[in-house]
Amino acid sequence: MKLRGSKTENLSKTKKSILRMITLTIAVTATYELFYNFVVWNALVVYSG
């Protein structure tokens, strides 16, 4: 992932790295939640059906 743009040009490498880590954490958490919810809803549908 690369952060580019006028707002990130002046940030230090450390701050850019921290932003990348935060972004990656949010993306991984969102993906996990998506798959987890599909598994839970699928189990509820199968169980109730």
Protein backbone atom coordinates (compact mmCIF):
# COMPACT_ATOMS: atom_id res chain seq x y z
CA MET A 1 0.00 0.00 0.00
CA LYS A 2 1.23 3.42 -0.81
CA LEU A 3 -0.02 6.66 0.62
CA ARG A 4 0.19 9.41 -1.90
CA GLY A 5 -1.31 12.80 -2.29
CA SER A 6 -0.81 16.36 -1.26
CA LYS A 7 -1.89 15.67 2.32
CA THR A 8 0.66 12.91 2.88
CA GLU A 9 3.67 14.38 1.08
CA ASN A 10 4.91 16.27 4.12
CA LEU A 11 4.59 13.39 6.60
CA SER A 12 7.67 11.66 7.92
CA LYS A 13 8.37 8.01 7.12
CA THR A 14 7.44 7.06 10.69
CA LYS A 15 4.02 8.69 10.47
CA LYS A 16 3.39 7.13 7.06
CA SER A 17 4.30 3.72 8.47
CA ILE A 18 1.92 4.21 11.38
CA LEU A 19 -0.87 5.21 8.99
CA ARG A 20 -0.18 2.13 6.85
CA MET A 21 -0.36 -0.12 9.92
CA ILE A 22 -3.64 1.45 11.05
CA THR A 23 -5.09 1.11 7.55
CA LEU A 24 -3.99 -2.51 7.31
CA THR A 25 -5.46 -3.29 10.74
CA ILE A 26 -8.80 -1.76 9.77
CA ALA A 27 -8.84 -3.62 6.44
CA VAL A 28 -8.02 -6.99 8.04
CA THR A 29 -10.61 -6.47 10.79
CA ALA A 30 -13.30 -5.51 8.28
CA THR A 31 -12.53 -8.55 6.13
CA TYR A 32 -12.62 -10.85 9.16
CA GLU A 33 -15.94 -9.41 10.30
CA LEU A 34 -17.42 -9.84 6.83
CA PHE A 35 -16.50 -13.51 6.61
CA TYR A 36 -17.45 -14.15 10.25
CA ASN A 37 -20.90 -12.66 9.73
CA PHE A 38 -21.45 -14.76 6.60
CA VAL A 39 -20.52 -17.90 8.54
CA VAL A 40 -22.81 -17.01 11.46
CA TRP A 41 -25.78 -16.12 9.26
CA ASN A 42 -25.28 -19.24 7.15
CA ALA A 43 -25.23 -21.38 10.30
CA LEU A 44 -28.42 -19.74 11.56
CA VAL A 45 -30.18 -20.30 8.23
CA VAL A 46 -29.11 -23.94 8.09
CA TYR A 47 -30.02 -24.54 11.73
CA SER A 48 -33.46 -22.95 11.47
CA GLY A 49 -34.29 -24.48 8.10
